[in-house]
Amino acid sequence: MAMPVFSHSGRHHVAVLARQVLLPIELGIVHQLFGQAKEGASADGEPLYEVATCALRASAVRTDGDFTVCVPHGPEALAEADTVIVLSSYEDYVQDIPELPAPLAEAFARIRPGTRMASICTGAFVLASAGLLDGHTATTHWRYTDLFSRLFPQVELDPDVLYTDAGSVLTSAGCASGIDLCLHIIRRDHGTAVANDVARRTVVPPHREGGQVQYIRRPVPALSAPATSAAREWALRRLKEPITLGQLAAREAMSVRNFNRRFRDEVGMTPMNWLIQQRLEHARELLEESDLPVDQVAAQTGLGTAANLRQHFHAALGISPSAYRTTFRGPGGLRPAYT
């Protein structure tokens, strides 16, 4: 009788499917982020996930570098997983048929119904070939969107976003957006406090919404170019106060028009949309970590009224602030304090 792949029955099991010529950064992202997620958002808390890497057969998997990765598990790991994450492979870039190759189809047949499926970068080609993206919105790396659309016209491809979430199936764009996808999954499972703790300890930005554009024209400004980081830092310290576009532009000594253009080039969204996103992020933290009534949460985050907070919450998350609080704190009160 085969030994189980996962050793801890009480944790969420994540199987990472690696294929030949993988990008090591993607494999590292999944292990690092899910491996850092701890109960109570504490370094001393119990791990919330167990991650196992698998391949179509247990063997050495080539990478795009000058080394291989020894993968200890075969496709049997897929049968035990609660979440399967498919990494990209150079095989995707030359795919010319929409069907799953036979070895992948046999491996996917092991996956239990109801297992959450996710992809990083061109791993979306595998999910689409398996029919899991039919009728859903999905994304992949912007360089391969034409090929993807030609092979899978039944999938609603959004080439401009960082990631998509259709509930049981999620996709992300280029490999670095795998960070955003993993943090999004952790937030969805365990709330903002746990996800932010993971981000802090791995020293990555805490969250970017999936709708942010994946290809920003000038993500790193020239040394002589004006930037908008000082205005963003200034705004984050004053979220409860009214903040105008003119005030933000003044922090960088720019005209409103130039500031708005520069901000979109750097961040991938308008300044005011970014500001709403930051206020909602702060509201989520307060709902998880405090007993403040909803109207006070709205006031503390600069969203004004409880009605306005509810409207933004429904638009972003599809639930009410009260339902969110119950989900991530439970009806009995506050979560344990964390460090």
C-alpha atoms as a PDB file:
ATOM      1  CA  MET A   1       0.000   0.000   0.000  1.00  0.00           C
ATOM      2  CA  ALA A   2       1.384   3.385  -1.034  1.00  0.00           C
ATOM      3  CA  MET A   3       2.373   5.805   1.703  1.00  0.00           C
ATOM      4  CA  PRO A   4       0.403   9.083   1.857  1.00  0.00           C
ATOM      5  CA  VAL A   5       2.129  12.079   0.291  1.00  0.00           C
ATOM      6  CA  PHE A   6       0.896  14.509   2.925  1.00  0.00           C
ATOM      7  CA  SER A   7       1.811  13.814   6.533  1.00  0.00           C
ATOM      8  CA  HIS A   8      -0.534  16.148   8.436  1.00  0.00           C
ATOM      9  CA  SER A   9      -4.242  15.455   8.018  1.00  0.00           C
ATOM     10  CA  GLY A  10      -5.384  18.651   9.719  1.00  0.00           C
ATOM     11  CA  ARG A  11      -3.765  21.062   7.266  1.00  0.00           C
ATOM     12  CA  HIS A  12      -4.857  22.238   3.850  1.00  0.00           C
ATOM     13  CA  HIS A  13      -2.946  20.171   1.294  1.00  0.00           C
ATOM     14  CA  VAL A  14      -1.421  22.047  -1.651  1.00  0.00           C
ATOM     15  CA  ALA A  15       0.028  19.999  -4.516  1.00  0.00           C
ATOM     16  CA  VAL A  16       2.312  21.880  -6.909  1.00  0.00           C
ATOM     17  CA  LEU A  17       2.495  20.290 -10.349  1.00  0.00           C
ATOM     18  CA  ALA A  18       5.925  20.784 -11.929  1.00  0.00           C
ATOM     19  CA  ARG A  19       6.537  19.946 -15.568  1.00  0.00           C
ATOM     20  CA  GLN A  20       9.713  19.764 -17.621  1.00  0.00           C
ATOM     21  CA  VAL A  21      11.597  23.049 -18.053  1.00  0.00           C
ATOM     22  CA  LEU A  22       9.964  24.839 -15.159  1.00  0.00           C
ATOM     23  CA  LEU A  23      10.765  28.294 -13.800  1.00  0.00           C
ATOM     24  CA  PRO A  24      12.239  27.745 -10.316  1.00  0.00           C
ATOM     25  CA  ILE A  25      10.942  31.095  -9.070  1.00  0.00           C
ATOM     26  CA  GLU A  26       7.361  29.848  -9.412  1.00  0.00           C
ATOM     27  CA  LEU A  27       8.032  26.751  -7.354  1.00  0.00           C
ATOM     28  CA  GLY A  28       9.763  28.843  -4.704  1.00  0.00           C
ATOM     29  CA  ILE A  29       6.896  31.332  -4.534  1.00  0.00           C
ATOM     30  CA  VAL A  30       4.319  28.666  -3.685  1.00  0.00           C
ATOM     31  CA  HIS A  31       6.436  26.932  -1.044  1.00  0.00           C
ATOM     32  CA  GLN A  32       7.617  30.153   0.561  1.00  0.00           C
ATOM     33  CA  LEU A  33       4.249  31.891   0.841  1.00  0.00           C
ATOM     34  CA  PHE A  34       2.036  28.966   1.839  1.00  0.00           C
ATOM     35  CA  GLY A  35       4.797  27.675   4.088  1.00  0.00           C
ATOM     36  CA  GLN A  36       4.842  30.976   6.001  1.00  0.00           C
ATOM     37  CA  ALA A  37       1.081  31.015   6.702  1.00  0.00           C
ATOM     38  CA  LYS A  38       0.612  30.335  10.408  1.00  0.00           C
ATOM     39  CA  GLU A  39      -2.433  30.122  12.650  1.00  0.00           C
ATOM     40  CA  GLY A  40      -3.090  33.385  14.495  1.00  0.00           C
ATOM     41  CA  ALA A  41      -0.778  35.225  12.087  1.00  0.00           C
ATOM     42  CA  SER A  42       2.075  34.377  14.442  1.00  0.00           C
ATOM     43  CA  ALA A  43       5.511  32.972  13.757  1.00  0.00           C
ATOM     44  CA  ASP A  44       4.827  30.512  16.584  1.00  0.00           C
ATOM     45  CA  GLY A  45       1.443  29.430  15.225  1.00  0.00           C
ATOM     46  CA  GLU A  46       0.682  26.073  13.665  1.00  0.00           C
ATOM     47  CA  PRO A  47       1.252  25.922   9.883  1.00  0.00           C
ATOM     48  CA  LEU A  48      -1.999  26.254   7.978  1.00  0.00           C
ATOM     49  CA  TYR A  49      -0.871  24.503   4.790  1.00  0.00           C
ATOM     50  CA  GLU A  50       1.239  21.531   3.798  1.00  0.00           C
ATOM     51  CA  VAL A  51       2.821  21.830   0.363  1.00  0.00           C
ATOM     52  CA  ALA A  52       4.115  18.954  -1.773  1.00  0.00           C
ATOM     53  CA  THR A  53       5.723  19.138  -5.202  1.00  0.00           C
ATOM     54  CA  CYS A  54       4.775  16.496  -7.755  1.00  0.00           C
ATOM     55  CA  ALA A  55       5.444  15.714 -11.389  1.00  0.00           C
ATOM     56  CA  LEU A  56       4.031  13.302 -13.948  1.00  0.00           C
ATOM     57  CA  ARG A  57       6.507  10.868 -12.430  1.00  0.00           C
ATOM     58  CA  ALA A  58       8.874  11.237  -9.506  1.00  0.00           C
ATOM     59  CA  SER A  59      12.121  12.268 -11.151  1.00  0.00           C
ATOM     60  CA  ALA A  60      14.457  15.152 -11.875  1.00  0.00           C
ATOM     61  CA  VAL A  61      12.687  18.037 -13.601  1.00  0.00           C
ATOM     62  CA  ARG A  62      14.680  20.359 -15.824  1.00  0.00           C
ATOM     63  CA  THR A  63      14.561  24.092 -15.192  1.00  0.00           C
ATOM     64  CA  ASP A  64      15.351  27.094 -17.367  1.00  0.00           C
ATOM     65  CA  GLY A  65      18.630  27.420 -15.437  1.00  0.00           C
ATOM     66  CA  ASP A  66      21.686  25.197 -15.294  1.00  0.00           C
ATOM     67  CA  PHE A  67      20.248  22.838 -12.678  1.00  0.00           C
ATOM     68  CA  THR A  68      17.455  20.343 -12.183  1.00  0.00           C
ATOM     69  CA  VAL A  69      14.934  19.933  -9.373  1.00  0.00           C
ATOM     70  CA  CYS A  70      14.477  16.512  -7.786  1.00  0.00           C
ATOM     71  CA  VAL A  71      10.704  16.039  -7.451  1.00  0.00           C
ATOM     72  CA  PRO A  72       9.932  13.284  -4.928  1.00  0.00           C
ATOM     73  CA  HIS A  73       6.274  12.662  -5.773  1.00  0.00           C
ATOM     74  CA  GLY A  74       4.371  11.522  -8.824  1.00  0.00           C
ATOM     75  CA  PRO A  75       0.748  12.271  -9.746  1.00  0.00           C
ATOM     76  CA  GLU A  76      -0.528  10.413  -6.660  1.00  0.00           C
ATOM     77  CA  ALA A  77      -0.128  13.724  -4.799  1.00  0.00           C
ATOM     78  CA  LEU A  78      -2.907  15.215  -6.921  1.00  0.00           C
ATOM     79  CA  ALA A  79      -5.406  12.726  -5.477  1.00  0.00           C
ATOM     80  CA  GLU A  80      -4.715  13.907  -1.913  1.00  0.00           C
ATOM     81  CA  ALA A  81      -4.683  17.660  -2.600  1.00  0.00           C
ATOM     82  CA  ASP A  82      -7.230  20.239  -1.507  1.00  0.00           C
ATOM     83  CA  THR A  83      -5.631  22.757  -3.887  1.00  0.00           C
ATOM     84  CA  VAL A  84      -3.601  21.995  -7.027  1.00  0.00           C
ATOM     85  CA  ILE A  85      -1.336  24.707  -8.444  1.00  0.00           C
ATOM     86  CA  VAL A  86      -0.051  24.165 -11.988  1.00  0.00           C
ATOM     87  CA  LEU A  87       3.234  25.886 -12.774  1.00  0.00           C
ATOM     88  CA  SER A  88       4.239  27.087 -16.218  1.00  0.00           C
ATOM     89  CA  SER A  89       6.481  25.137 -18.583  1.00  0.00           C
ATOM     90  CA  TYR A  90       8.247  25.857 -21.835  1.00  0.00           C
ATOM     91  CA  GLU A  91       5.983  23.172 -23.313  1.00  0.00           C
ATOM     92  CA  ASP A  92       3.110  25.673 -23.136  1.00  0.00           C
ATOM     93  CA  TYR A  93       4.798  28.170 -25.438  1.00  0.00           C
ATOM     94  CA  VAL A  94       4.710  25.796 -28.395  1.00  0.00           C
ATOM     95  CA  GLN A  95       1.364  24.098 -27.729  1.00  0.00           C
ATOM     96  CA  ASP A  96      -0.568  23.616 -30.960  1.00  0.00           C
ATOM     97  CA  ILE A  97      -3.600  21.544 -29.902  1.00  0.00           C
ATOM     98  CA  PRO A  98      -6.267  22.375 -27.289  1.00  0.00           C
ATOM     99  CA  GLU A  99      -6.396  18.868 -25.788  1.00  0.00           C
ATOM    100  CA  LEU A 100      -4.462  17.647 -22.779  1.00  0.00           C
ATOM    101  CA  PRO A 101      -1.587  15.301 -23.679  1.00  0.00           C
ATOM    102  CA  ALA A 102      -2.320  11.749 -22.517  1.00  0.00           C
ATOM    103  CA  PRO A 103       0.080  11.744 -19.516  1.00  0.00           C
ATOM    104  CA  LEU A 104      -1.447  14.975 -18.191  1.00  0.00           C
ATOM    105  CA  ALA A 105      -4.966  13.712 -18.800  1.00  0.00           C
ATOM    106  CA  GLU A 106      -4.186  10.560 -16.810  1.00  0.00           C
ATOM    107  CA  ALA A 107      -2.744  12.651 -13.985  1.00  0.00           C
ATOM    108  CA  PHE A 108      -5.742  14.996 -13.922  1.00  0.00           C
ATOM    109  CA  ALA A 109      -8.103  12.006 -13.737  1.00  0.00           C
ATOM    110  CA  ARG A 110      -6.736  11.420 -10.226  1.00  0.00           C
ATOM    111  CA  ILE A 111      -7.911  14.816  -8.944  1.00  0.00           C
ATOM    112  CA  ARG A 112     -10.928  14.631  -6.652  1.00  0.00           C
ATOM    113  CA  PRO A 113     -14.103  16.574  -7.556  1.00  0.00           C
ATOM    114  CA  GLY A 114     -14.218  19.866  -5.676  1.00  0.00           C
ATOM    115  CA  THR A 115     -10.440  20.319  -5.558  1.00  0.00           C
ATOM    116  CA  ARG A 116      -9.475  23.964  -6.008  1.00  0.00           C
ATOM    117  CA  MET A 117      -7.361  24.468  -9.130  1.00  0.00           C
ATOM    118  CA  ALA A 118      -4.971  27.339  -9.805  1.00  0.00           C
ATOM    119  CA  SER A 119      -2.274  28.206 -12.322  1.00  0.00           C
ATOM    120  CA  ILE A 120       0.727  30.481 -12.505  1.00  0.00           C
ATOM    121  CA  CYS A 121       1.665  32.089 -15.813  1.00  0.00           C
ATOM    122  CA  THR A 122       1.134  29.711 -18.754  1.00  0.00           C
ATOM    123  CA  GLY A 123      -0.039  26.956 -16.425  1.00  0.00           C
ATOM    124  CA  ALA A 124      -3.431  28.323 -17.508  1.00  0.00           C
ATOM    125  CA  PHE A 125      -2.942  26.407 -20.781  1.00  0.00           C
ATOM    126  CA  VAL A 126      -3.198  23.171 -18.799  1.00  0.00           C
ATOM    127  CA  LEU A 127      -6.359  24.225 -16.953  1.00  0.00           C
ATOM    128  CA  ALA A 128      -7.925  25.335 -20.243  1.00  0.00           C
ATOM    129  CA  SER A 129      -6.962  22.078 -21.961  1.00  0.00           C
ATOM    130  CA  ALA A 130      -8.661  20.190 -19.130  1.00  0.00           C
ATOM    131  CA  GLY A 131     -11.871  22.168 -19.738  1.00  0.00           C
ATOM    132  CA  LEU A 132     -11.734  23.767 -16.291  1.00  0.00           C
ATOM    133  CA  LEU A 133     -11.796  27.324 -17.643  1.00  0.00           C
ATOM    134  CA  ASP A 134     -14.705  26.939 -20.053  1.00  0.00           C
ATOM    135  CA  GLY A 135     -17.145  29.792 -19.510  1.00  0.00           C
ATOM    136  CA  HIS A 136     -14.838  31.473 -16.965  1.00  0.00           C
ATOM    137  CA  THR A 137     -12.657  34.557 -17.125  1.00  0.00           C
ATOM    138  CA  ALA A 138      -8.968  33.650 -17.049  1.00  0.00           C
ATOM    139  CA  THR A 139      -5.583  35.211 -17.655  1.00  0.00           C
ATOM    140  CA  THR A 140      -2.061  34.189 -18.577  1.00  0.00           C
ATOM    141  CA  HIS A 141       1.221  35.876 -19.453  1.00  0.00           C
ATOM    142  CA  TRP A 142       0.568  38.785 -21.817  1.00  0.00           C
ATOM    143  CA  ARG A 143       3.080  37.488 -24.375  1.00  0.00           C
ATOM    144  CA  TYR A 144       1.016  34.318 -24.962  1.00  0.00           C
ATOM    145  CA  THR A 145      -2.523  35.676 -24.992  1.00  0.00           C
ATOM    146  CA  ASP A 146      -2.886  35.412 -28.783  1.00  0.00           C
ATOM    147  CA  LEU A 147      -1.922  31.733 -28.726  1.00  0.00           C
ATOM    148  CA  PHE A 148      -4.212  31.102 -25.766  1.00  0.00           C
ATOM    149  CA  SER A 149      -7.194  32.798 -27.428  1.00  0.00           C
ATOM    150  CA  ARG A 150      -6.660  30.847 -30.637  1.00  0.00           C
ATOM    151  CA  LEU A 151      -6.538  27.498 -28.837  1.00  0.00           C
ATOM    152  CA  PHE A 152      -9.304  28.178 -26.306  1.00  0.00           C
ATOM    153  CA  PRO A 153     -11.997  30.483 -27.750  1.00  0.00           C
ATOM    154  CA  GLN A 154     -14.474  29.139 -25.181  1.00  0.00           C
ATOM    155  CA  VAL A 155     -12.506  30.823 -22.362  1.00  0.00           C
ATOM    156  CA  GLU A 156     -13.055  34.511 -21.665  1.00  0.00           C
ATOM    157  CA  LEU A 157      -9.444  35.691 -21.592  1.00  0.00           C
ATOM    158  CA  ASP A 158      -8.571  38.943 -19.838  1.00  0.00           C
ATOM    159  CA  PRO A 159      -5.003  39.757 -20.890  1.00  0.00           C
ATOM    160  CA  ASP A 160      -4.644  42.836 -18.688  1.00  0.00           C
ATOM    161  CA  VAL A 161      -5.093  41.594 -15.116  1.00  0.00           C
ATOM    162  CA  LEU A 162      -2.761  40.076 -12.529  1.00  0.00           C
ATOM    163  CA  TYR A 163      -5.043  37.181 -11.637  1.00  0.00           C
ATOM    164  CA  THR A 164      -8.609  35.924 -11.831  1.00  0.00           C
ATOM    165  CA  ASP A 165     -10.737  34.126  -9.257  1.00  0.00           C
ATOM    166  CA  ALA A 166     -13.722  32.082 -10.393  1.00  0.00           C
ATOM    167  CA  GLY A 167     -14.137  30.374  -7.027  1.00  0.00           C
ATOM    168  CA  SER A 168     -12.914  26.850  -7.660  1.00  0.00           C
ATOM    169  CA  VAL A 169     -10.454  27.820 -10.394  1.00  0.00           C
ATOM    170  CA  LEU A 170      -7.933  30.661 -10.359  1.00  0.00           C
ATOM    171  CA  THR A 171      -5.329  31.868 -12.846  1.00  0.00           C
ATOM    172  CA  SER A 172      -2.463  34.348 -12.699  1.00  0.00           C
ATOM    173  CA  ALA A 173      -0.363  36.198 -15.246  1.00  0.00           C
ATOM    174  CA  GLY A 174       3.466  36.249 -15.367  1.00  0.00           C
ATOM    175  CA  CYS A 175       5.451  34.376 -12.735  1.00  0.00           C
ATOM    176  CA  ALA A 176       5.745  37.304 -10.284  1.00  0.00           C
ATOM    177  CA  SER A 177       1.958  37.648 -10.213  1.00  0.00           C
ATOM    178  CA  GLY A 178       2.009  34.192  -8.650  1.00  0.00           C
ATOM    179  CA  ILE A 179       2.928  36.088  -5.473  1.00  0.00           C
ATOM    180  CA  ASP A 180      -0.297  38.080  -5.738  1.00  0.00           C
ATOM    181  CA  LEU A 181      -2.324  34.951  -6.466  1.00  0.00           C
ATOM    182  CA  CYS A 182      -0.917  33.013  -3.496  1.00  0.00           C
ATOM    183  CA  LEU A 183      -1.487  35.935  -1.121  1.00  0.00           C
ATOM    184  CA  HIS A 184      -5.021  36.272  -2.487  1.00  0.00           C
ATOM    185  CA  ILE A 185      -5.706  32.592  -1.798  1.00  0.00           C
ATOM    186  CA  ILE A 186      -4.306  32.891   1.721  1.00  0.00           C
ATOM    187  CA  ARG A 187      -6.429  35.979   2.334  1.00  0.00           C
ATOM    188  CA  ARG A 188      -9.488  34.198   0.979  1.00  0.00           C
ATOM    189  CA  ASP A 189      -8.857  31.206   3.241  1.00  0.00           C
ATOM    190  CA  HIS A 190      -7.683  32.909   6.433  1.00  0.00           C
ATOM    191  CA  GLY A 191      -8.166  36.666   6.187  1.00  0.00           C
ATOM    192  CA  THR A 192      -6.076  39.791   5.868  1.00  0.00           C
ATOM    193  CA  ALA A 193      -4.091  39.417   9.101  1.00  0.00           C
ATOM    194  CA  VAL A 194      -2.597  36.060   8.090  1.00  0.00           C
ATOM    195  CA  ALA A 195      -1.894  37.167   4.508  1.00  0.00           C
ATOM    196  CA  ASN A 196      -0.279  40.411   5.648  1.00  0.00           C
ATOM    197  CA  ASP A 197       1.857  38.513   8.146  1.00  0.00           C
ATOM    198  CA  VAL A 198       3.068  36.251   5.328  1.00  0.00           C
ATOM    199  CA  ALA A 199       3.842  39.308   3.206  1.00  0.00           C
ATOM    200  CA  ARG A 200       5.761  41.012   6.014  1.00  0.00           C
ATOM    201  CA  ARG A 201       7.902  37.974   6.797  1.00  0.00           C
ATOM    202  CA  THR A 202       8.702  37.321   3.147  1.00  0.00           C
ATOM    203  CA  VAL A 203       9.197  41.067   2.491  1.00  0.00           C
ATOM    204  CA  VAL A 204       6.775  41.390  -0.413  1.00  0.00           C
ATOM    205  CA  PRO A 205       3.972  43.922  -0.970  1.00  0.00           C
ATOM    206  CA  PRO A 206       0.930  42.803   1.056  1.00  0.00           C
ATOM    207  CA  HIS A 207      -1.659  42.821  -1.694  1.00  0.00           C
ATOM    208  CA  ARG A 208      -2.428  43.899  -5.229  1.00  0.00           C
ATOM    209  CA  GLU A 209      -5.973  43.504  -6.489  1.00  0.00           C
ATOM    210  CA  GLY A 210      -6.405  41.047  -9.324  1.00  0.00           C
ATOM    211  CA  GLY A 211      -7.802  43.753 -11.593  1.00  0.00           C
ATOM    212  CA  GLN A 212      -4.551  45.698 -11.602  1.00  0.00           C
ATOM    213  CA  VAL A 213      -2.905  45.630 -15.013  1.00  0.00           C
ATOM    214  CA  GLN A 214      -0.154  43.040 -15.440  1.00  0.00           C
ATOM    215  CA  TYR A 215       1.955  45.059 -17.843  1.00  0.00           C
ATOM    216  CA  ILE A 216       2.947  48.469 -16.493  1.00  0.00           C
ATOM    217  CA  ARG A 217       4.818  50.580 -19.020  1.00  0.00           C
ATOM    218  CA  ARG A 218       7.432  51.950 -16.605  1.00  0.00           C
ATOM    219  CA  PRO A 219       7.482  49.840 -13.418  1.00  0.00           C
ATOM    220  CA  VAL A 220      10.953  51.172 -12.572  1.00  0.00           C
ATOM    221  CA  PRO A 221      11.301  54.920 -13.199  1.00  0.00           C
ATOM    222  CA  ALA A 222      14.436  56.380 -14.711  1.00  0.00           C
ATOM    223  CA  LEU A 223      16.692  57.970 -12.119  1.00  0.00           C
ATOM    224  CA  SER A 224      15.833  61.440 -13.393  1.00  0.00           C
ATOM    225  CA  ALA A 225      12.089  60.795 -13.737  1.00  0.00           C
ATOM    226  CA  PRO A 226       9.592  62.061 -11.154  1.00  0.00           C
ATOM    227  CA  ALA A 227       7.901  59.293  -9.176  1.00  0.00           C
ATOM    228  CA  THR A 228       4.762  59.050  -7.032  1.00  0.00           C
ATOM    229  CA  SER A 229       5.963  56.946  -4.107  1.00  0.00           C
ATOM    230  CA  ALA A 230       6.152  59.877  -1.675  1.00  0.00           C
ATOM    231  CA  ALA A 231       2.521  60.757  -2.383  1.00  0.00           C
ATOM    232  CA  ARG A 232       1.468  57.165  -1.782  1.00  0.00           C
ATOM    233  CA  GLU A 233       3.320  57.027   1.534  1.00  0.00           C
ATOM    234  CA  TRP A 234       1.766  60.355   2.548  1.00  0.00           C
ATOM    235  CA  ALA A 235      -1.730  59.086   1.713  1.00  0.00           C
ATOM    236  CA  LEU A 236      -1.296  55.805   3.588  1.00  0.00           C
ATOM    237  CA  ARG A 237      -0.615  57.758   6.783  1.00  0.00           C
ATOM    238  CA  ARG A 238      -3.828  59.760   6.324  1.00  0.00           C
ATOM    239  CA  LEU A 239      -6.413  57.289   5.058  1.00  0.00           C
ATOM    240  CA  LYS A 240      -9.107  58.539   7.471  1.00  0.00           C
ATOM    241  CA  GLU A 241      -8.786  62.101   6.152  1.00  0.00           C
ATOM    242  CA  PRO A 242     -10.306  63.466   2.938  1.00  0.00           C
ATOM    243  CA  ILE A 243      -7.653  63.239   0.215  1.00  0.00           C
ATOM    244  CA  THR A 244      -7.923  64.874  -3.187  1.00  0.00           C
ATOM    245  CA  LEU A 245      -6.068  64.288  -6.412  1.00  0.00           C
ATOM    246  CA  GLY A 246      -4.734  67.821  -6.170  1.00  0.00           C
ATOM    247  CA  GLN A 247      -3.226  67.131  -2.749  1.00  0.00           C
ATOM    248  CA  LEU A 248      -1.498  64.004  -4.028  1.00  0.00           C
ATOM    249  CA  ALA A 249      -0.094  65.843  -7.048  1.00  0.00           C
ATOM    250  CA  ALA A 250       1.148  68.660  -4.805  1.00  0.00           C
ATOM    251  CA  ARG A 251       3.197  66.181  -2.749  1.00  0.00           C
ATOM    252  CA  GLU A 252       5.243  65.461  -5.875  1.00  0.00           C
ATOM    253  CA  ALA A 253       5.209  69.061  -7.179  1.00  0.00           C
ATOM    254  CA  MET A 254       3.395  67.944 -10.335  1.00  0.00           C
ATOM    255  CA  SER A 255       0.347  69.138 -12.165  1.00  0.00           C
ATOM    256  CA  VAL A 256      -2.729  66.970 -11.656  1.00  0.00           C
ATOM    257  CA  ARG A 257      -2.563  65.830 -15.277  1.00  0.00           C
ATOM    258  CA  ASN A 258       1.105  64.812 -15.100  1.00  0.00           C
ATOM    259  CA  PHE A 259       0.661  63.152 -11.710  1.00  0.00           C
ATOM    260  CA  ASN A 260      -2.332  61.138 -12.893  1.00  0.00           C
ATOM    261  CA  ARG A 261      -0.439  59.935 -15.962  1.00  0.00           C
ATOM    262  CA  ARG A 262       2.706  59.110 -14.001  1.00  0.00           C
ATOM    263  CA  PHE A 263       0.723  57.294 -11.295  1.00  0.00           C
ATOM    264  CA  ARG A 264      -1.006  55.084 -13.862  1.00  0.00           C
ATOM    265  CA  ASP A 265       2.344  54.305 -15.492  1.00  0.00           C
ATOM    266  CA  GLU A 266       3.833  53.222 -12.149  1.00  0.00           C
ATOM    267  CA  VAL A 267       0.922  51.560 -10.376  1.00  0.00           C
ATOM    268  CA  GLY A 268      -1.384  50.439 -13.184  1.00  0.00           C
ATOM    269  CA  MET A 269      -4.527  52.199 -11.940  1.00  0.00           C
ATOM    270  CA  THR A 270      -5.802  55.701 -11.235  1.00  0.00           C
ATOM    271  CA  PRO A 271      -4.787  57.413  -7.978  1.00  0.00           C
ATOM    272  CA  MET A 272      -8.349  57.460  -6.644  1.00  0.00           C
ATOM    273  CA  ASN A 273      -8.960  53.784  -7.435  1.00  0.00           C
ATOM    274  CA  TRP A 274      -5.709  52.979  -5.631  1.00  0.00           C
ATOM    275  CA  LEU A 275      -6.853  55.066  -2.658  1.00  0.00           C
ATOM    276  CA  ILE A 276     -10.156  53.178  -2.435  1.00  0.00           C
ATOM    277  CA  GLN A 277      -8.236  49.898  -2.585  1.00  0.00           C
ATOM    278  CA  GLN A 278      -6.000  50.946   0.333  1.00  0.00           C
ATOM    279  CA  ARG A 279      -8.999  52.075   2.383  1.00  0.00           C
ATOM    280  CA  LEU A 280     -10.752  48.764   1.791  1.00  0.00           C
ATOM    281  CA  GLU A 281      -7.602  46.907   2.816  1.00  0.00           C
ATOM    282  CA  HIS A 282      -7.488  48.892   6.066  1.00  0.00           C
ATOM    283  CA  ALA A 283     -11.204  48.239   6.617  1.00  0.00           C
ATOM    284  CA  ARG A 284     -10.607  44.498   6.297  1.00  0.00           C
ATOM    285  CA  GLU A 285      -7.889  44.688   8.935  1.00  0.00           C
ATOM    286  CA  LEU A 286     -10.148  46.605  11.329  1.00  0.00           C
ATOM    287  CA  LEU A 287     -13.027  44.188  10.809  1.00  0.00           C
ATOM    288  CA  GLU A 288     -10.753  41.260  11.638  1.00  0.00           C
ATOM    289  CA  GLU A 289      -8.805  42.775  14.506  1.00  0.00           C
ATOM    290  CA  SER A 290     -11.144  45.194  16.310  1.00  0.00           C
ATOM    291  CA  ASP A 291     -14.654  45.413  17.726  1.00  0.00           C
ATOM    292  CA  LEU A 292     -15.338  48.766  16.059  1.00  0.00           C
ATOM    293  CA  PRO A 293     -18.892  49.072  14.686  1.00  0.00           C
ATOM    294  CA  VAL A 294     -19.176  49.205  10.919  1.00  0.00           C
ATOM    295  CA  ASP A 295     -19.878  52.948  10.889  1.00  0.00           C
ATOM    296  CA  GLN A 296     -16.690  53.610  12.867  1.00  0.00           C
ATOM    297  CA  VAL A 297     -14.698  51.350  10.546  1.00  0.00           C
ATOM    298  CA  ALA A 298     -15.995  53.456   7.657  1.00  0.00           C
ATOM    299  CA  ALA A 299     -14.955  56.661   9.424  1.00  0.00           C
ATOM    300  CA  GLN A 300     -11.512  55.335  10.408  1.00  0.00           C
ATOM    301  CA  THR A 301     -10.724  54.312   6.834  1.00  0.00           C
ATOM    302  CA  GLY A 302     -11.938  57.470   5.106  1.00  0.00           C
ATOM    303  CA  LEU A 303     -14.871  55.736   3.432  1.00  0.00           C
ATOM    304  CA  GLY A 304     -17.310  58.004   5.226  1.00  0.00           C
ATOM    305  CA  THR A 305     -20.507  56.164   6.036  1.00  0.00           C
ATOM    306  CA  ALA A 306     -21.468  52.576   6.753  1.00  0.00           C
ATOM    307  CA  ALA A 307     -23.563  52.588   3.581  1.00  0.00           C
ATOM    308  CA  ASN A 308     -20.570  53.670   1.512  1.00  0.00           C
ATOM    309  CA  LEU A 309     -18.398  50.985   3.106  1.00  0.00           C
ATOM    310  CA  ARG A 310     -21.033  48.333   2.381  1.00  0.00           C
ATOM    311  CA  GLN A 311     -21.265  49.457  -1.236  1.00  0.00           C
ATOM    312  CA  HIS A 312     -17.510  49.225  -1.782  1.00  0.00           C
ATOM    313  CA  PHE A 313     -17.310  45.906   0.073  1.00  0.00           C
ATOM    314  CA  HIS A 314     -20.034  44.370  -2.075  1.00  0.00           C
ATOM    315  CA  ALA A 315     -18.374  45.665  -5.254  1.00  0.00           C
ATOM    316  CA  ALA A 316     -14.941  44.303  -4.288  1.00  0.00           C
ATOM    317  CA  LEU A 317     -15.791  41.106  -2.393  1.00  0.00           C
ATOM    318  CA  GLY A 318     -19.441  40.319  -2.980  1.00  0.00           C
ATOM    319  CA  ILE A 319     -20.272  40.246   0.751  1.00  0.00           C
ATOM    320  CA  SER A 320     -21.128  42.707   3.504  1.00  0.00           C
ATOM    321  CA  PRO A 321     -18.626  43.975   6.099  1.00  0.00           C
ATOM    322  CA  SER A 322     -20.525  42.118   8.820  1.00  0.00           C
ATOM    323  CA  ALA A 323     -20.380  38.842   6.884  1.00  0.00           C
ATOM    324  CA  TYR A 324     -16.669  39.344   6.326  1.00  0.00           C
ATOM    325  CA  ARG A 325     -16.094  39.920  10.042  1.00  0.00           C
ATOM    326  CA  THR A 326     -18.026  36.773  10.940  1.00  0.00           C
ATOM    327  CA  THR A 327     -16.089  34.723   8.394  1.00  0.00           C
ATOM    328  CA  PHE A 328     -12.635  35.659   9.653  1.00  0.00           C
ATOM    329  CA  ARG A 329     -13.296  36.125  13.356  1.00  0.00           C
ATOM    330  CA  GLY A 330     -16.213  33.820  13.963  1.00  0.00           C
ATOM    331  CA  PRO A 331     -19.405  34.802  15.820  1.00  0.00           C
ATOM    332  CA  GLY A 332     -17.740  34.447  19.227  1.00  0.00           C
ATOM    333  CA  GLY A 333     -15.532  37.509  19.085  1.00  0.00           C
ATOM    334  CA  LEU A 334     -11.968  38.519  18.358  1.00  0.00           C
ATOM    335  CA  ARG A 335      -9.301  36.259  16.989  1.00  0.00           C
ATOM    336  CA  PRO A 336      -6.306  35.678  19.245  1.00  0.00           C
ATOM    337  CA  ALA A 337      -3.818  38.519  19.349  1.00  0.00           C
ATOM    338  CA  TYR A 338      -0.787  38.084  17.096  1.00  0.00           C
ATOM    339  CA  THR A 339       2.705  39.485  16.938  1.00  0.00           C
END
